[in-house]
N, C-alpha and C. Protein backbone atom coordinates (compact mmCIF):
# COMPACT_ATOMS: atom_id res chain seq x y z
N MET A 1 137.11 -165.06 24.66
CA MET A 1 137.76 -166.29 24.37
C MET A 1 136.80 -167.13 23.56
N GLN A 2 137.34 -167.82 22.58
CA GLN A 2 136.53 -168.67 21.72
C GLN A 2 137.28 -169.99 21.51
N PHE A 3 136.56 -171.08 21.68
CA PHE A 3 137.12 -172.40 21.43
C PHE A 3 136.56 -172.89 20.11
N VAL A 4 137.43 -173.38 19.23
CA VAL A 4 136.99 -173.92 17.95
C VAL A 4 137.55 -175.32 17.83
N ILE A 5 136.66 -176.26 17.70
CA ILE A 5 137.06 -177.66 17.50
C ILE A 5 136.80 -177.98 16.03
N ILE A 6 137.81 -178.45 15.35
CA ILE A 6 137.69 -178.74 13.92
C ILE A 6 137.74 -180.24 13.71
N ASP A 7 136.70 -180.78 13.11
CA ASP A 7 136.62 -182.20 12.77
C ASP A 7 137.13 -182.35 11.34
N LEU A 8 138.30 -182.94 11.18
CA LEU A 8 138.92 -183.06 9.85
C LEU A 8 138.16 -184.01 8.94
N ASP A 9 137.22 -184.80 9.49
CA ASP A 9 136.43 -185.71 8.67
C ASP A 9 135.21 -185.04 8.06
N LYS A 10 134.96 -183.78 8.41
CA LYS A 10 133.80 -183.05 7.90
C LYS A 10 134.29 -181.80 7.16
N PRO A 11 133.53 -181.38 6.15
CA PRO A 11 133.91 -180.14 5.44
C PRO A 11 133.90 -178.94 6.39
N GLN A 12 134.87 -178.06 6.19
CA GLN A 12 134.97 -176.86 7.02
C GLN A 12 134.69 -175.62 6.16
N PRO A 13 134.21 -174.56 6.82
CA PRO A 13 134.09 -173.29 6.09
C PRO A 13 135.48 -172.79 5.69
N PRO A 14 135.54 -171.90 4.70
CA PRO A 14 136.85 -171.44 4.19
C PRO A 14 137.80 -170.90 5.26
N GLU A 15 137.29 -170.15 6.25
CA GLU A 15 138.21 -169.59 7.26
C GLU A 15 138.83 -170.70 8.11
N GLN A 16 138.08 -171.77 8.38
CA GLN A 16 138.66 -172.90 9.12
C GLN A 16 139.63 -173.68 8.24
N GLN A 17 139.35 -173.80 6.96
CA GLN A 17 140.28 -174.47 6.05
C GLN A 17 141.62 -173.75 6.04
N GLN A 18 141.59 -172.42 6.07
CA GLN A 18 142.84 -171.64 6.10
C GLN A 18 143.61 -171.90 7.39
N LEU A 19 142.90 -171.99 8.52
CA LEU A 19 143.57 -172.26 9.79
C LEU A 19 144.21 -173.64 9.78
N VAL A 20 143.49 -174.63 9.24
CA VAL A 20 144.04 -175.99 9.16
C VAL A 20 145.31 -175.99 8.32
N LYS A 21 145.26 -175.36 7.16
CA LYS A 21 146.45 -175.31 6.29
C LYS A 21 147.62 -174.60 6.96
N LYS A 22 147.32 -173.56 7.72
CA LYS A 22 148.38 -172.77 8.34
C LYS A 22 149.01 -173.45 9.55
N TYR A 23 148.19 -174.12 10.38
CA TYR A 23 148.70 -174.60 11.67
C TYR A 23 148.79 -176.12 11.82
N PHE A 24 147.94 -176.88 11.16
CA PHE A 24 147.89 -178.33 11.39
C PHE A 24 149.14 -179.00 10.83
N LYS A 25 149.78 -179.81 11.66
CA LYS A 25 151.03 -180.46 11.27
C LYS A 25 150.84 -181.93 10.90
N GLY A 26 149.59 -182.39 10.86
CA GLY A 26 149.32 -183.75 10.41
C GLY A 26 149.17 -184.77 11.52
N TYR A 27 149.26 -184.35 12.76
CA TYR A 27 149.14 -185.27 13.88
C TYR A 27 147.96 -184.88 14.76
N ILE A 28 147.29 -185.88 15.28
CA ILE A 28 146.14 -185.65 16.17
C ILE A 28 146.48 -186.25 17.53
N PRO A 29 146.24 -185.56 18.63
CA PRO A 29 145.63 -184.25 18.74
C PRO A 29 146.62 -183.15 18.38
N HIS A 30 146.07 -181.99 18.05
CA HIS A 30 146.88 -180.81 17.74
C HIS A 30 146.20 -179.61 18.39
N VAL A 31 146.96 -178.84 19.12
CA VAL A 31 146.40 -177.70 19.86
C VAL A 31 147.09 -176.43 19.39
N VAL A 32 146.28 -175.44 19.04
CA VAL A 32 146.78 -174.12 18.67
C VAL A 32 146.07 -173.10 19.54
N LEU A 33 146.83 -172.24 20.19
CA LEU A 33 146.26 -171.13 20.96
C LEU A 33 146.71 -169.84 20.29
N LEU A 34 145.74 -169.00 19.94
CA LEU A 34 146.03 -167.74 19.28
C LEU A 34 145.76 -166.58 20.24
N ASP A 35 146.59 -165.55 20.17
CA ASP A 35 146.33 -164.36 20.97
C ASP A 35 145.29 -163.49 20.27
N ALA A 36 144.99 -162.34 20.83
CA ALA A 36 143.96 -161.46 20.29
C ALA A 36 144.29 -160.97 18.89
N ASN A 37 145.57 -160.98 18.52
CA ASN A 37 145.99 -160.54 17.19
C ASN A 37 146.02 -161.68 16.18
N GLY A 38 145.70 -162.89 16.63
CA GLY A 38 145.73 -164.05 15.73
C GLY A 38 147.09 -164.69 15.60
N THR A 39 148.02 -164.33 16.48
CA THR A 39 149.36 -164.91 16.47
C THR A 39 149.37 -166.17 17.33
N ALA A 40 149.94 -167.23 16.82
CA ALA A 40 150.00 -168.48 17.57
C ALA A 40 150.96 -168.34 18.75
N VAL A 41 150.45 -168.54 19.96
CA VAL A 41 151.30 -168.53 21.15
C VAL A 41 151.60 -169.95 21.62
N TYR A 42 150.86 -170.91 21.08
CA TYR A 42 151.12 -172.33 21.32
C TYR A 42 150.64 -173.06 20.09
N ASN A 43 151.49 -173.92 19.52
CA ASN A 43 151.14 -174.66 18.31
C ASN A 43 151.91 -175.98 18.33
N GLN A 44 151.31 -177.00 18.92
CA GLN A 44 152.00 -178.27 19.09
C GLN A 44 151.05 -179.45 18.86
N SER A 45 151.59 -180.51 18.33
CA SER A 45 150.87 -181.77 18.25
C SER A 45 151.08 -182.54 19.54
N GLY A 46 150.11 -183.35 19.91
CA GLY A 46 150.21 -184.15 21.12
C GLY A 46 149.32 -183.59 22.21
N GLU A 47 149.19 -184.38 23.25
CA GLU A 47 148.35 -183.96 24.36
C GLU A 47 149.01 -182.83 25.13
N VAL A 48 148.20 -181.94 25.65
CA VAL A 48 148.69 -180.85 26.47
C VAL A 48 147.87 -180.84 27.75
N SER A 49 148.54 -180.64 28.85
CA SER A 49 147.84 -180.69 30.14
C SER A 49 147.00 -179.44 30.34
N GLU A 50 145.98 -179.61 31.14
CA GLU A 50 145.11 -178.48 31.48
C GLU A 50 145.91 -177.38 32.17
N SER A 51 146.86 -177.76 33.02
CA SER A 51 147.64 -176.75 33.73
C SER A 51 148.52 -175.96 32.77
N GLN A 52 149.05 -176.62 31.74
CA GLN A 52 149.88 -175.91 30.77
C GLN A 52 149.03 -174.92 29.97
N VAL A 53 147.84 -175.34 29.54
CA VAL A 53 146.94 -174.44 28.82
C VAL A 53 146.55 -173.27 29.72
N SER A 54 146.28 -173.54 30.99
CA SER A 54 145.92 -172.48 31.94
C SER A 54 147.04 -171.46 32.08
N ARG A 55 148.29 -171.92 32.17
CA ARG A 55 149.42 -171.00 32.28
C ARG A 55 149.53 -170.11 31.05
N ILE A 56 149.35 -170.70 29.88
CA ILE A 56 149.44 -169.93 28.64
C ILE A 56 148.32 -168.89 28.59
N LEU A 57 147.10 -169.32 28.90
CA LEU A 57 145.96 -168.39 28.88
C LEU A 57 146.12 -167.30 29.94
N ASP A 58 146.60 -167.66 31.12
CA ASP A 58 146.85 -166.66 32.16
C ASP A 58 147.84 -165.61 31.66
N GLY A 59 148.88 -166.06 30.97
CA GLY A 59 149.85 -165.12 30.42
C GLY A 59 149.25 -164.20 29.39
N LEU A 60 148.31 -164.71 28.60
CA LEU A 60 147.65 -163.85 27.61
C LEU A 60 146.78 -162.80 28.27
N PHE A 61 146.05 -163.21 29.32
CA PHE A 61 145.14 -162.29 29.98
C PHE A 61 145.88 -161.31 30.90
N ASP A 62 147.00 -161.75 31.47
CA ASP A 62 147.74 -160.90 32.40
C ASP A 62 148.94 -160.23 31.74
N GLY A 63 149.10 -160.46 30.44
CA GLY A 63 150.27 -160.00 29.72
C GLY A 63 150.43 -158.50 29.66
N PRO A 64 151.41 -158.07 28.88
CA PRO A 64 151.78 -156.65 28.83
C PRO A 64 150.75 -155.80 28.08
N SER A 65 149.60 -155.61 28.68
CA SER A 65 148.57 -154.76 28.07
C SER A 65 148.41 -153.47 28.87
N LYS A 66 149.34 -153.23 29.78
CA LYS A 66 149.24 -152.05 30.66
C LYS A 66 150.02 -150.89 30.10
């Protein structure tokens, strides 16, 4: 698992610029959760609760990998 916090007031490396262009909807805060394949499983502007993030992450880790 990797957490990436992007500060839009500072220059980003090219790979982060691509992520911003692809997922950022113009509102802060904005949360994007990607699965191991790089597919967005959560992509929403606004605050998100810790419990909601936990449920999503639990689903990724316990998902259909069997």
